[in-house]
N, C-alpha and C. Protein backbone atom coordinates (compact mmCIF):
# COMPACT_ATOMS: atom_id res chain seq x y z
N ARG A 1 45.44 198.07 5.77
CA ARG A 1 43.86 198.56 6.74
C ARG A 1 43.59 199.22 7.05
N LYS A 2 44.61 199.86 7.85
CA LYS A 2 44.52 200.86 9.08
C LYS A 2 44.70 202.07 8.14
N MET A 3 45.28 202.40 7.05
CA MET A 3 45.23 203.56 6.36
C MET A 3 44.02 204.07 5.89
N HIS A 4 43.65 202.86 5.13
CA HIS A 4 42.02 203.18 4.94
C HIS A 4 41.26 203.88 5.60
N PHE A 5 41.31 203.14 6.59
CA PHE A 5 39.89 204.05 7.50
C PHE A 5 40.49 205.16 7.74
N VAL A 6 41.61 205.77 7.95
CA VAL A 6 42.21 206.97 8.34
C VAL A 6 42.51 207.98 7.15
N MET A 7 42.19 207.25 5.67
CA MET A 7 42.04 208.30 4.55
C MET A 7 41.04 208.73 4.53
N ARG A 8 39.93 208.32 4.72
CA ARG A 8 38.70 208.42 4.75
C ARG A 8 37.46 209.34 5.64
N ALA A 9 38.80 209.18 7.07
CA ALA A 9 38.24 210.08 8.14
C ALA A 9 37.84 211.39 7.96
N LYS A 10 37.08 212.18 9.11
CA LYS A 10 37.06 213.25 8.53
C LYS A 10 38.03 214.16 9.82
N ALA A 11 38.39 213.24 10.74
CA ALA A 11 39.40 214.15 12.03
C ALA A 11 40.13 212.25 12.87
N VAL A 12 40.76 212.90 13.32
CA VAL A 12 40.98 211.55 13.83
C VAL A 12 41.30 211.96 15.47
N ALA A 13 40.93 210.91 16.16
CA ALA A 13 40.89 211.46 18.18
C ALA A 13 41.63 210.12 18.27
N VAL A 14 42.39 210.39 18.93
CA VAL A 14 43.93 209.62 19.39
C VAL A 14 43.39 209.82 20.81
N PHE A 15 43.66 208.31 21.98
CA PHE A 15 43.58 208.65 23.33
C PHE A 15 45.23 207.92 23.73
N PRO A 16 45.61 208.39 24.87
CA PRO A 16 46.52 207.41 25.80
C PRO A 16 46.44 206.06 25.57
N GLY A 17 47.89 205.73 24.99
CA GLY A 17 47.85 203.92 24.46
C GLY A 17 49.59 204.08 24.40
N GLY A 18 49.83 202.91 24.19
CA GLY A 18 51.13 202.14 24.01
C GLY A 18 51.72 202.90 22.79
N PHE A 19 52.58 201.21 21.89
CA PHE A 19 53.09 201.83 21.11
C PHE A 19 52.32 201.39 19.46
N GLY A 20 51.46 200.64 19.85
CA GLY A 20 50.11 200.32 18.46
C GLY A 20 49.56 201.88 18.23
N THR A 21 49.14 202.34 19.50
CA THR A 21 48.49 203.66 18.92
C THR A 21 49.65 204.73 18.34
N MET A 22 50.60 204.61 19.21
CA MET A 22 51.64 205.68 18.85
C MET A 22 52.31 205.45 16.89
N ASP A 23 51.95 203.89 16.66
CA ASP A 23 52.26 203.48 15.18
C ASP A 23 51.22 204.71 14.48
N GLU A 24 49.91 204.14 14.96
CA GLU A 24 48.94 204.34 13.67
C GLU A 24 49.02 205.91 14.09
N PHE A 25 49.35 206.67 15.23
CA PHE A 25 49.05 208.37 15.30
C PHE A 25 50.29 208.82 14.15
N PHE A 26 51.22 208.16 14.52
CA PHE A 26 52.24 208.97 13.75
C PHE A 26 52.49 208.24 12.29
N GLU A 27 51.84 207.45 12.08
CA GLU A 27 51.51 206.96 10.66
C GLU A 27 51.02 208.46 9.94
N THR A 28 50.06 208.90 11.02
CA THR A 28 48.69 209.70 10.17
C THR A 28 49.40 211.04 9.78
N LEU A 29 50.26 211.12 10.81
CA LEU A 29 50.83 212.55 10.84
C LEU A 29 51.62 212.66 9.87
N THR A 30 52.48 211.46 9.38
CA THR A 30 53.81 210.94 8.57
C THR A 30 52.58 211.14 7.10
N LEU A 31 51.61 210.66 6.94
CA LEU A 31 50.42 210.76 5.85
C LEU A 31 49.77 212.24 5.31
N ILE A 32 49.89 213.28 6.62
CA ILE A 32 49.83 214.64 6.60
C ILE A 32 50.59 215.05 5.96
N GLN A 33 51.81 214.92 6.59
CA GLN A 33 52.91 215.77 6.48
C GLN A 33 53.49 215.60 5.00
N THR A 34 53.38 215.12 4.57
CA THR A 34 53.71 214.19 3.15
C THR A 34 52.72 215.06 1.86
N GLY A 35 51.57 214.75 2.45
CA GLY A 35 50.85 215.11 1.71
C GLY A 35 49.91 214.25 0.81
N ARG A 36 50.16 212.97 1.55
CA ARG A 36 49.52 211.88 1.04
C ARG A 36 48.10 211.37 1.31
N MET A 37 47.85 212.51 2.35
CA MET A 37 46.64 212.32 2.92
C MET A 37 46.02 214.00 3.42
N GLU A 38 44.63 214.31 2.61
CA GLU A 38 44.47 215.39 2.70
C GLU A 38 44.37 215.60 4.76
N ARG A 39 44.81 217.10 5.19
CA ARG A 39 44.56 217.29 6.06
C ARG A 39 43.93 217.14 7.01
N VAL A 40 43.25 216.58 8.38
CA VAL A 40 41.88 216.90 9.33
C VAL A 40 42.82 217.02 10.43
N PRO A 41 41.72 217.57 11.01
CA PRO A 41 42.48 217.70 12.53
C PRO A 41 42.67 216.48 13.40
N VAL A 42 43.28 216.56 14.34
CA VAL A 42 44.15 215.24 14.46
C VAL A 42 44.25 215.80 15.82
N ILE A 43 43.05 215.11 16.92
CA ILE A 43 43.34 215.84 18.26
C ILE A 43 43.46 215.03 19.27
N LEU A 44 44.96 214.83 19.99
CA LEU A 44 45.29 214.26 21.29
C LEU A 44 44.32 214.12 22.44
N PHE A 45 43.69 213.15 22.77
CA PHE A 45 42.60 213.46 24.21
C PHE A 45 43.88 213.65 25.63
N GLY A 46 43.83 214.09 26.21
CA GLY A 46 44.81 214.14 27.60
C GLY A 46 46.09 214.83 27.51
N LYS A 47 45.67 215.75 27.93
CA LYS A 47 46.87 217.13 27.44
C LYS A 47 48.21 216.36 28.26
N ALA A 48 47.98 216.02 29.46
CA ALA A 48 49.17 215.92 30.21
C ALA A 48 49.94 214.56 29.78
N PHE A 49 49.35 213.36 29.71
CA PHE A 49 49.47 212.76 28.71
C PHE A 49 50.32 212.70 27.58
N TRP A 50 49.85 213.40 26.96
CA TRP A 50 50.74 213.26 25.36
C TRP A 50 51.40 214.94 25.36
N GLN A 51 51.22 215.63 26.61
CA GLN A 51 52.73 216.52 26.25
C GLN A 51 54.15 215.97 26.83
N ARG A 52 53.72 215.22 27.95
CA ARG A 52 55.02 214.21 28.41
C ARG A 52 55.53 213.20 27.47
N ALA A 53 54.41 212.26 26.52
CA ALA A 53 55.16 211.90 25.67
C ALA A 53 55.84 212.16 24.79
N ILE A 54 55.34 213.20 24.36
CA ILE A 54 55.22 213.94 22.75
C ILE A 54 55.82 215.11 22.93
N ASP A 55 57.55 215.62 23.27
CA ASP A 55 57.31 217.07 23.42
C ASP A 55 57.73 217.38 21.57
N LEU A 56 56.44 217.63 21.79
CA LEU A 56 56.91 218.65 20.16
C LEU A 56 58.14 220.00 20.00
N ASP A 57 57.90 220.85 20.97
CA ASP A 57 58.78 221.85 20.86
C ASP A 57 60.12 221.42 20.93
N PHE A 58 60.52 220.47 21.30
CA PHE A 58 61.84 219.56 21.71
C PHE A 58 62.41 219.02 20.39
N LEU A 59 61.37 218.85 19.58
CA LEU A 59 61.34 217.77 17.97
C LEU A 59 61.77 219.05 17.18
N ALA A 60 60.91 220.46 17.48
CA ALA A 60 60.95 221.43 16.50
C ALA A 60 62.85 221.90 16.65
N GLU A 61 62.82 222.21 18.05
CA GLU A 61 64.45 222.61 18.50
C GLU A 61 65.33 222.18 17.84
N GLN A 62 65.27 220.44 17.89
CA GLN A 62 66.24 219.42 17.44
C GLN A 62 65.73 219.68 15.97
N GLY A 63 65.21 220.30 15.10
CA GLY A 63 64.67 220.28 13.37
C GLY A 63 64.51 218.78 13.05
N THR A 64 64.15 218.31 13.63
CA THR A 64 63.86 216.51 13.59
C THR A 64 62.30 216.86 13.03
N ILE A 65 61.38 217.99 13.37
CA ILE A 65 60.39 218.43 12.62
C ILE A 65 59.94 219.91 12.21
N SER A 66 59.77 220.22 11.58
CA SER A 66 59.57 221.83 10.88
C SER A 66 58.46 222.64 11.69
N PRO A 67 59.02 223.63 12.08
CA PRO A 67 57.52 224.20 13.32
C PRO A 67 56.29 224.16 13.08
N GLY A 68 56.17 224.29 11.62
CA GLY A 68 54.34 224.33 11.36
C GLY A 68 53.89 222.54 11.54
N ASP A 69 55.08 221.73 11.84
CA ASP A 69 54.16 220.52 11.75
C ASP A 69 53.47 220.55 13.44
N GLN A 70 53.78 221.38 14.03
CA GLN A 70 53.33 221.15 15.04
C GLN A 70 51.61 221.83 15.30
N ASP A 71 51.74 222.95 14.23
CA ASP A 71 49.83 222.79 13.86
C ASP A 71 48.89 221.70 13.13
N ILE A 72 49.46 220.71 13.14
CA ILE A 72 48.99 219.67 12.82
C ILE A 72 47.89 218.79 13.87
N ILE A 73 48.70 218.97 15.33
CA ILE A 73 48.01 218.29 16.25
C ILE A 73 47.40 219.69 17.47
N ASP A 74 46.50 219.11 17.92
CA ASP A 74 45.43 219.18 19.05
C ASP A 74 45.40 218.60 20.00
N PHE A 75 45.89 219.53 21.14
CA PHE A 75 45.42 218.33 22.47
C PHE A 75 44.37 218.99 23.66
N VAL A 76 43.69 218.03 23.73
CA VAL A 76 42.48 218.89 24.48
C VAL A 76 42.14 217.23 25.87
N ASP A 77 41.57 218.03 26.54
CA ASP A 77 41.40 217.39 27.72
C ASP A 77 39.49 216.64 27.62
N THR A 78 38.73 217.55 26.55
CA THR A 78 37.25 216.92 26.94
C THR A 78 37.02 216.97 25.39
N ALA A 79 36.14 216.37 25.52
CA ALA A 79 34.89 216.14 23.98
C ALA A 79 34.42 217.68 23.59
N ASP A 80 33.74 218.71 24.37
CA ASP A 80 33.29 219.92 23.72
C ASP A 80 34.83 220.92 23.78
N GLU A 81 36.13 220.70 23.76
CA GLU A 81 37.32 221.19 22.98
C GLU A 81 37.69 220.57 21.90
N ALA A 82 37.29 219.24 22.01
CA ALA A 82 37.40 217.81 20.68
C ALA A 82 36.53 218.97 19.45
N TRP A 83 35.27 219.00 19.82
CA TRP A 83 34.18 219.66 19.26
C TRP A 83 34.32 221.47 18.45
N ASP A 84 34.89 221.50 19.22
CA ASP A 84 35.08 223.13 18.68
C ASP A 84 36.39 222.80 17.59
N ILE A 85 37.44 222.45 18.08
CA ILE A 85 38.20 222.53 17.05
C ILE A 85 37.73 221.89 15.87
N VAL A 86 37.24 220.53 15.11
CA VAL A 86 36.32 220.26 14.62
C VAL A 86 35.52 221.12 13.83
N ARG A 87 34.99 222.15 14.38
CA ARG A 87 33.63 223.06 13.94
C ARG A 87 34.79 223.98 13.51
N ARG A 88 35.82 224.77 14.27
CA ARG A 88 36.36 225.74 13.18
C ARG A 88 37.15 225.24 11.89
N PHE A 89 37.31 223.58 12.06
CA PHE A 89 38.16 223.66 11.30
C PHE A 89 37.33 223.39 9.81
N TYR A 90 35.96 222.94 10.15
CA TYR A 90 34.87 222.76 8.36
C TYR A 90 34.18 223.74 8.72
N SER A 91 34.17 225.27 9.68
CA SER A 91 33.78 226.30 9.43
C SER A 91 32.08 225.50 10.00
N LEU A 92 31.64 224.76 11.06
CA LEU A 92 30.22 224.20 10.78
C LEU A 92 29.79 225.34 11.95
């Protein structure tokens, strides 16, 4: 069921949360990374939270993700920052 929601999304906004939030977030990343879902902006609200919770540089250094996979995600603190990302992505 949750996959059907994300497959129809034009952007994904993720706010700080626990295991359920992380599950949905990582499932979305996996669908995009593997090409099973069209790429959309994946926006993490709360830079300080997410940059501590998920160290993408470390994952890339360890070879567990490809360096380009980091480009799937954007970190923001405000709705204005998120909207700028969506506008640029869709050339609005």
